[in-house]
Amino acid sequence: GNPDNEIIGAFIGDILIGMIGISKSNALIIISHISVLIDYQRRGIGTLLLEEIKKRYEGCRMIAETDEESIDFYARSGFARHA
C-alpha cells in the first residue's frame, strides 16, 4: 500500500465497527472517509476516531473530503466548511 495513506479501525473485541481513512502530504492531513456500522452510529465512535487522528497529527492542518450528509458531524468536531 501507499505509505502516505492510513486507515485506523475501531473495534469491539475483534469486530471492526468503524474506520477512518486519511492521506498524508507534508503537514496536511486529508480525511478521505469515516464510517461506523449503522448499529453503532450516534454513540461517539466517529468522534473518537476523529479525536485519535487529531491527537496523532497534532499541529498538522486537516481537511475532510465529505458529502452533505456528514457536514454537521465535522462542524460539531470543529471543522469549518469550505467550498
Protein backbone atom coordinates (compact mmCIF):
# COMPACT_ATOMS: atom_id res chain seq x y z
CA GLY A 1 0.00 0.00 0.00
CA ASN A 2 0.84 3.65 -0.16
CA PRO A 3 2.78 4.74 2.96
CA ASP A 4 1.05 8.12 2.77
CA ASN A 5 -2.36 6.52 3.36
CA GLU A 6 -3.53 5.20 6.70
CA ILE A 7 -6.67 3.50 7.99
CA ILE A 8 -7.49 3.32 11.70
CA GLY A 9 -10.21 1.00 12.93
CA ALA A 10 -12.48 0.96 15.96
CA PHE A 11 -13.13 -2.49 17.36
CA ILE A 12 -15.34 -4.17 19.92
CA GLY A 13 -13.40 -7.32 20.68
CA ASP A 14 -12.26 -8.48 17.27
CA ILE A 15 -15.23 -6.97 15.41
CA LEU A 16 -14.47 -3.91 13.28
CA ILE A 17 -17.26 -1.41 13.94
CA GLY A 18 -15.80 1.74 12.42
CA MET A 19 -12.89 3.17 10.49
CA ILE A 20 -11.29 6.39 9.37
CA GLY A 21 -9.02 6.77 6.36
CA ILE A 22 -6.53 9.54 5.79
CA SER A 23 -3.93 10.67 3.28
CA LYS A 24 -0.83 12.50 4.47
CA SER A 25 1.01 15.14 2.47
CA ASN A 26 3.71 17.03 4.37
CA ALA A 27 1.86 18.80 7.22
CA LEU A 28 -1.57 18.31 5.62
CA ILE A 29 -3.91 15.50 6.66
CA ILE A 30 -6.82 14.74 4.35
CA ILE A 31 -9.61 12.70 5.92
CA SER A 32 -10.90 10.75 2.95
CA HIS A 33 -13.56 8.69 4.71
CA ILE A 34 -15.04 7.82 8.03
CA SER A 35 -17.68 5.19 8.61
CA VAL A 36 -19.30 3.39 11.52
CA LEU A 37 -21.60 0.38 11.28
CA ILE A 38 -25.21 1.54 11.41
CA ASP A 39 -25.94 -0.31 14.68
CA TYR A 40 -23.12 1.62 16.37
CA GLN A 41 -23.78 5.10 14.96
CA ARG A 42 -24.62 8.05 17.21
CA ARG A 43 -22.57 6.57 20.08
CA GLY A 44 -19.48 8.76 19.72
CA ILE A 45 -17.37 6.23 17.79
CA GLY A 46 -16.84 8.51 14.79
CA THR A 47 -15.85 11.30 17.15
CA LEU A 48 -13.35 9.01 18.91
CA LEU A 49 -11.80 8.09 15.55
CA LEU A 50 -11.52 11.76 14.63
CA GLU A 51 -10.01 12.60 18.02
CA GLU A 52 -7.40 9.87 17.51
CA ILE A 53 -6.36 11.46 14.20
CA LYS A 54 -6.23 14.92 15.83
CA LYS A 55 -4.03 13.51 18.62
CA ARG A 56 -1.67 11.61 16.30
CA TYR A 57 -1.21 14.55 13.95
CA GLU A 58 -1.39 17.47 16.34
CA GLY A 59 -0.14 20.65 14.68
CA CYS A 60 -0.98 19.46 11.18
CA ARG A 61 -3.59 21.15 9.03
CA MET A 62 -6.60 18.90 8.48
CA ILE A 63 -9.26 18.86 5.84
CA ALA A 64 -12.11 16.41 5.34
CA GLU A 65 -13.41 15.32 1.97
CA THR A 66 -17.06 14.68 2.71
CA ASP A 67 -20.61 14.71 1.46
CA GLU A 68 -23.57 16.83 2.53
CA GLU A 69 -24.71 14.12 4.96
CA SER A 70 -21.55 14.43 7.05
CA ILE A 71 -21.16 18.22 7.11
CA ASP A 72 -22.82 18.59 10.53
CA PHE A 73 -20.67 15.83 12.04
CA TYR A 74 -17.47 17.60 11.02
CA ALA A 75 -18.83 21.01 12.05
CA ARG A 76 -19.54 19.66 15.56
CA SER A 77 -15.94 18.43 15.63
CA GLY A 78 -14.53 21.88 14.94
CA PHE A 79 -14.13 21.81 11.16
CA ALA A 80 -15.10 24.85 9.06
CA ARG A 81 -16.83 24.44 5.72
CA HIS A 82 -15.01 25.49 2.54
CA ALA A 83 -16.30 25.15 -1.00
